[in-house]
Amino acid sequence: MTMAAEIDPTRAASTQSRGHKVEAAGGERLHYQGMEFAIRASAESTGGAFSIVEGLYPLDTPLHIHHSHDELFYVLEGEHVFTVGGTELQAGPGDLVFGPRGVPHTHRRVVPRTGRILEMFSPAGFEAFFRDLAEADRNGQFGVDDLRRIGAKFGVTFLV
């Protein structure tokens, strides 16, 4: 796992100065409990600045708090409802929702299992959470306790 604080500043400057491209259908593909995610930008590709994960076929997200990362959602397809700090926000294609660190938030789709969103995390490093979820799934570890354990490793408290 590479957290933002562990990125070598020399490497970060070099990574940022050479640019990075991910093709439309590209990115590292990960699966967890029937969900599919694509890592579009990582700590390695952004020099630790941010990471972006696309939810291609995800489920709704239970109430949780990020203690170390801010999260920004950009809706690509579908109708979504975000609850951030007790405020319900409806969002459709082109809309953007911000979930600051330390504030409980959740996300659901108006039509289950439809719609796509990009999730940006700052600083980078949270994409490793999705890698760990995929590994846990491969190992048959996908219960609520496993989700809490993996979340805690990345500074997330699930309130389920």
C-alpha atoms as a PDB file:
ATOM      1  CA  MET A   1       0.000   0.000   0.000  1.00  0.00           C
ATOM      2  CA  THR A   2       1.341   3.435  -0.909  1.00  0.00           C
ATOM      3  CA  MET A   3      -0.227   6.305   0.973  1.00  0.00           C
ATOM      4  CA  ALA A   4       0.210   9.913  -0.151  1.00  0.00           C
ATOM      5  CA  ALA A   5       2.640  10.681   2.676  1.00  0.00           C
ATOM      6  CA  GLU A   6       4.907   7.866   1.434  1.00  0.00           C
ATOM      7  CA  ILE A   7       5.296   9.207  -2.125  1.00  0.00           C
ATOM      8  CA  ASP A   8       8.862  10.233  -2.935  1.00  0.00           C
ATOM      9  CA  PRO A   9       8.726  13.992  -3.811  1.00  0.00           C
ATOM     10  CA  THR A  10      11.307  13.536  -6.599  1.00  0.00           C
ATOM     11  CA  ARG A  11       9.220  10.741  -8.129  1.00  0.00           C
ATOM     12  CA  ALA A  12       6.036  12.774  -7.642  1.00  0.00           C
ATOM     13  CA  ALA A  13       7.438  15.722  -9.622  1.00  0.00           C
ATOM     14  CA  SER A  14       8.668  13.386 -12.347  1.00  0.00           C
ATOM     15  CA  THR A  15       5.318  11.558 -12.531  1.00  0.00           C
ATOM     16  CA  GLN A  16       3.337  14.777 -12.723  1.00  0.00           C
ATOM     17  CA  SER A  17       5.585  16.320 -15.367  1.00  0.00           C
ATOM     18  CA  ARG A  18       5.331  13.399 -17.792  1.00  0.00           C
ATOM     19  CA  GLY A  19       1.548  13.140 -17.748  1.00  0.00           C
ATOM     20  CA  HIS A  20      -0.693  10.109 -17.682  1.00  0.00           C
ATOM     21  CA  LYS A  21      -3.449   8.754 -19.889  1.00  0.00           C
ATOM     22  CA  VAL A  22      -5.998   6.000 -19.338  1.00  0.00           C
ATOM     23  CA  GLU A  23      -8.026   4.839 -22.342  1.00  0.00           C
ATOM     24  CA  ALA A  24     -11.835   5.019 -22.106  1.00  0.00           C
ATOM     25  CA  ALA A  25     -12.165   1.304 -21.307  1.00  0.00           C
ATOM     26  CA  GLY A  26      -8.877   1.169 -19.413  1.00  0.00           C
ATOM     27  CA  GLY A  27      -7.772   1.248 -15.840  1.00  0.00           C
ATOM     28  CA  GLU A  28      -7.063  -1.462 -13.340  1.00  0.00           C
ATOM     29  CA  ARG A  29     -10.281  -3.539 -13.063  1.00  0.00           C
ATOM     30  CA  LEU A  30     -11.287  -4.865  -9.648  1.00  0.00           C
ATOM     31  CA  HIS A  31     -14.246  -6.961  -8.488  1.00  0.00           C
ATOM     32  CA  TYR A  32     -15.931  -7.279  -5.113  1.00  0.00           C
ATOM     33  CA  GLN A  33     -19.260  -9.026  -4.468  1.00  0.00           C
ATOM     34  CA  GLY A  34     -20.564  -8.559  -8.009  1.00  0.00           C
ATOM     35  CA  MET A  35     -19.323  -4.982  -8.204  1.00  0.00           C
ATOM     36  CA  GLU A  36     -16.736  -3.749 -10.694  1.00  0.00           C
ATOM     37  CA  PHE A  37     -14.398  -0.799 -10.246  1.00  0.00           C
ATOM     38  CA  ALA A  38     -11.725   0.728 -12.470  1.00  0.00           C
ATOM     39  CA  ILE A  39      -8.819   2.660 -11.003  1.00  0.00           C
ATOM     40  CA  ARG A  40      -8.402   5.596 -13.393  1.00  0.00           C
ATOM     41  CA  ALA A  41      -5.758   7.519 -11.421  1.00  0.00           C
ATOM     42  CA  SER A  42      -3.613   6.287  -8.550  1.00  0.00           C
ATOM     43  CA  ALA A  43      -1.025   7.557  -6.098  1.00  0.00           C
ATOM     44  CA  GLU A  44       1.609   6.311  -8.527  1.00  0.00           C
ATOM     45  CA  SER A  45       0.152   8.096 -11.564  1.00  0.00           C
ATOM     46  CA  THR A  46      -0.576  11.425  -9.818  1.00  0.00           C
ATOM     47  CA  GLY A  47       2.467  11.696  -7.584  1.00  0.00           C
ATOM     48  CA  GLY A  48       0.234  11.240  -4.539  1.00  0.00           C
ATOM     49  CA  ALA A  49      -2.036  14.198  -5.300  1.00  0.00           C
ATOM     50  CA  PHE A  50      -5.314  12.298  -5.758  1.00  0.00           C
ATOM     51  CA  SER A  51      -6.828   9.059  -6.989  1.00  0.00           C
ATOM     52  CA  ILE A  52      -9.906   8.393  -9.123  1.00  0.00           C
ATOM     53  CA  VAL A  53     -11.979   5.218  -9.081  1.00  0.00           C
ATOM     54  CA  GLU A  54     -14.911   4.612 -11.417  1.00  0.00           C
ATOM     55  CA  GLY A  55     -17.795   2.556 -10.114  1.00  0.00           C
ATOM     56  CA  LEU A  56     -18.800   0.574 -13.217  1.00  0.00           C
ATOM     57  CA  TYR A  57     -21.297  -1.814 -11.702  1.00  0.00           C
ATOM     58  CA  PRO A  58     -21.394  -1.052  -7.998  1.00  0.00           C
ATOM     59  CA  LEU A  59     -23.915  -1.435  -5.234  1.00  0.00           C
ATOM     60  CA  ASP A  60     -24.965   1.362  -2.919  1.00  0.00           C
ATOM     61  CA  THR A  61     -22.507   2.521  -0.268  1.00  0.00           C
ATOM     62  CA  PRO A  62     -23.323   2.178   3.427  1.00  0.00           C
ATOM     63  CA  LEU A  63     -22.948   5.127   5.800  1.00  0.00           C
ATOM     64  CA  HIS A  64     -19.270   5.720   6.533  1.00  0.00           C
ATOM     65  CA  ILE A  65     -16.705   8.348   7.512  1.00  0.00           C
ATOM     66  CA  HIS A  66     -13.323   8.956   5.865  1.00  0.00           C
ATOM     67  CA  HIS A  67     -10.888  10.218   8.490  1.00  0.00           C
ATOM     68  CA  SER A  68      -7.968  10.840   6.113  1.00  0.00           C
ATOM     69  CA  HIS A  69      -9.448  11.534   2.676  1.00  0.00           C
ATOM     70  CA  ASP A  70     -11.844  13.989   1.080  1.00  0.00           C
ATOM     71  CA  GLU A  71     -14.135  12.379  -1.498  1.00  0.00           C
ATOM     72  CA  LEU A  72     -15.655  13.972  -4.569  1.00  0.00           C
ATOM     73  CA  PHE A  73     -18.320  12.244  -6.682  1.00  0.00           C
ATOM     74  CA  TYR A  74     -18.898  13.094 -10.349  1.00  0.00           C
ATOM     75  CA  VAL A  75     -22.002  11.474 -11.821  1.00  0.00           C
ATOM     76  CA  LEU A  76     -21.522  10.016 -15.307  1.00  0.00           C
ATOM     77  CA  GLU A  77     -24.818   8.132 -15.705  1.00  0.00           C
ATOM     78  CA  GLY A  78     -28.020   7.508 -13.773  1.00  0.00           C
ATOM     79  CA  GLU A  79     -29.803   9.165 -10.896  1.00  0.00           C
ATOM     80  CA  HIS A  80     -28.186   9.034  -7.458  1.00  0.00           C
ATOM     81  CA  VAL A  81     -28.936  10.170  -3.941  1.00  0.00           C
ATOM     82  CA  PHE A  82     -26.037  11.171  -1.696  1.00  0.00           C
ATOM     83  CA  THR A  83     -26.457  11.937   1.978  1.00  0.00           C
ATOM     84  CA  VAL A  84     -23.615  14.044   3.359  1.00  0.00           C
ATOM     85  CA  GLY A  85     -23.725  15.092   6.991  1.00  0.00           C
ATOM     86  CA  GLY A  86     -27.478  14.495   7.123  1.00  0.00           C
ATOM     87  CA  THR A  87     -28.234  16.523   3.965  1.00  0.00           C
ATOM     88  CA  GLU A  88     -29.784  14.558   1.092  1.00  0.00           C
ATOM     89  CA  LEU A  89     -28.500  15.569  -2.337  1.00  0.00           C
ATOM     90  CA  GLN A  90     -30.018  14.258  -5.573  1.00  0.00           C
ATOM     91  CA  ALA A  91     -27.549  14.115  -8.450  1.00  0.00           C
ATOM     92  CA  GLY A  92     -27.671  13.188 -12.129  1.00  0.00           C
ATOM     93  CA  PRO A  93     -25.236  13.183 -15.059  1.00  0.00           C
ATOM     94  CA  GLY A  94     -22.787  16.070 -14.864  1.00  0.00           C
ATOM     95  CA  ASP A  95     -23.513  16.808 -11.191  1.00  0.00           C
ATOM     96  CA  LEU A  96     -20.775  16.867  -8.593  1.00  0.00           C
ATOM     97  CA  VAL A  97     -21.070  16.101  -4.867  1.00  0.00           C
ATOM     98  CA  PHE A  98     -18.365  16.686  -2.239  1.00  0.00           C
ATOM     99  CA  GLY A  99     -17.961  14.535   0.870  1.00  0.00           C
ATOM    100  CA  PRO A 100     -15.382  16.114   3.170  1.00  0.00           C
ATOM    101  CA  ARG A 101     -13.293  13.971   5.487  1.00  0.00           C
ATOM    102  CA  GLY A 102     -14.783  13.548   8.934  1.00  0.00           C
ATOM    103  CA  VAL A 103     -18.382  13.909   7.698  1.00  0.00           C
ATOM    104  CA  PRO A 104     -20.604  10.793   7.519  1.00  0.00           C
ATOM    105  CA  HIS A 105     -21.897  10.100   4.013  1.00  0.00           C
ATOM    106  CA  THR A 106     -23.653   7.445   1.990  1.00  0.00           C
ATOM    107  CA  HIS A 107     -24.725   6.899  -1.600  1.00  0.00           C
ATOM    108  CA  ARG A 108     -27.554   5.026  -3.291  1.00  0.00           C
ATOM    109  CA  ARG A 109     -28.884   4.684  -6.798  1.00  0.00           C
ATOM    110  CA  VAL A 110     -32.479   5.610  -7.562  1.00  0.00           C
ATOM    111  CA  VAL A 111     -32.631   2.526  -9.803  1.00  0.00           C
ATOM    112  CA  PRO A 112     -30.563  -0.230  -8.140  1.00  0.00           C
ATOM    113  CA  ARG A 113     -27.405  -1.401  -9.944  1.00  0.00           C
ATOM    114  CA  THR A 114     -27.606   1.368 -12.568  1.00  0.00           C
ATOM    115  CA  GLY A 115     -25.485   4.437 -13.161  1.00  0.00           C
ATOM    116  CA  ARG A 116     -21.795   5.190 -13.081  1.00  0.00           C
ATOM    117  CA  ILE A 117     -19.835   7.630 -10.973  1.00  0.00           C
ATOM    118  CA  LEU A 118     -16.248   8.755 -10.688  1.00  0.00           C
ATOM    119  CA  GLU A 119     -14.960   9.021  -7.145  1.00  0.00           C
ATOM    120  CA  MET A 120     -11.946  11.231  -6.526  1.00  0.00           C
ATOM    121  CA  PHE A 121     -10.016  10.883  -3.282  1.00  0.00           C
ATOM    122  CA  SER A 122      -7.546  13.416  -1.961  1.00  0.00           C
ATOM    123  CA  PRO A 123      -4.850  12.774  -1.027  1.00  0.00           C
ATOM    124  CA  ALA A 124      -4.182   9.702  -3.146  1.00  0.00           C
ATOM    125  CA  GLY A 125      -3.857   6.217  -1.732  1.00  0.00           C
ATOM    126  CA  PHE A 126      -7.458   5.240  -1.100  1.00  0.00           C
ATOM    127  CA  GLU A 127      -7.547   3.263  -4.340  1.00  0.00           C
ATOM    128  CA  ALA A 128      -5.678   0.561  -2.384  1.00  0.00           C
ATOM    129  CA  PHE A 129      -8.904   0.059  -0.365  1.00  0.00           C
ATOM    130  CA  PHE A 130     -10.556  -1.264  -3.547  1.00  0.00           C
ATOM    131  CA  ARG A 131      -7.570  -3.532  -4.221  1.00  0.00           C
ATOM    132  CA  ASP A 132      -7.895  -4.965  -0.725  1.00  0.00           C
ATOM    133  CA  LEU A 133     -11.650  -5.474  -1.192  1.00  0.00           C
ATOM    134  CA  ALA A 134     -10.984  -7.436  -4.400  1.00  0.00           C
ATOM    135  CA  GLU A 135      -8.353  -9.559  -2.654  1.00  0.00           C
ATOM    136  CA  ALA A 136     -10.713 -10.234   0.267  1.00  0.00           C
ATOM    137  CA  ASP A 137     -13.411 -11.307  -2.187  1.00  0.00           C
ATOM    138  CA  ARG A 138     -11.006 -13.739  -3.870  1.00  0.00           C
ATOM    139  CA  ASN A 139     -10.281 -15.167  -0.397  1.00  0.00           C
ATOM    140  CA  GLY A 140     -13.957 -15.488   0.536  1.00  0.00           C
ATOM    141  CA  GLN A 141     -13.804 -12.610   3.043  1.00  0.00           C
ATOM    142  CA  PHE A 142     -16.745 -10.363   2.264  1.00  0.00           C
ATOM    143  CA  GLY A 143     -18.823  -9.981   5.413  1.00  0.00           C
ATOM    144  CA  VAL A 144     -19.521  -6.783   7.333  1.00  0.00           C
ATOM    145  CA  ASP A 145     -16.628  -7.491   9.719  1.00  0.00           C
ATOM    146  CA  ASP A 146     -14.266  -7.831   6.739  1.00  0.00           C
ATOM    147  CA  LEU A 147     -15.518  -4.528   5.308  1.00  0.00           C
ATOM    148  CA  ARG A 148     -14.930  -2.815   8.662  1.00  0.00           C
ATOM    149  CA  ARG A 149     -11.447  -4.346   8.993  1.00  0.00           C
ATOM    150  CA  ILE A 150     -10.394  -3.230   5.509  1.00  0.00           C
ATOM    151  CA  GLY A 151     -11.974   0.190   5.990  1.00  0.00           C
ATOM    152  CA  ALA A 152     -10.119   0.715   9.282  1.00  0.00           C
ATOM    153  CA  LYS A 153      -6.825   0.003   7.518  1.00  0.00           C
ATOM    154  CA  PHE A 154      -7.528   2.993   5.251  1.00  0.00           C
ATOM    155  CA  GLY A 155      -8.978   5.377   7.832  1.00  0.00           C
ATOM    156  CA  VAL A 156     -12.663   4.634   7.178  1.00  0.00           C
ATOM    157  CA  THR A 157     -15.299   3.827   9.780  1.00  0.00           C
ATOM    158  CA  PHE A 158     -18.367   2.017   8.450  1.00  0.00           C
ATOM    159  CA  LEU A 159     -21.424   2.842  10.539  1.00  0.00           C
ATOM    160  CA  VAL A 160     -23.377  -0.319   9.642  1.00  0.00           C
END
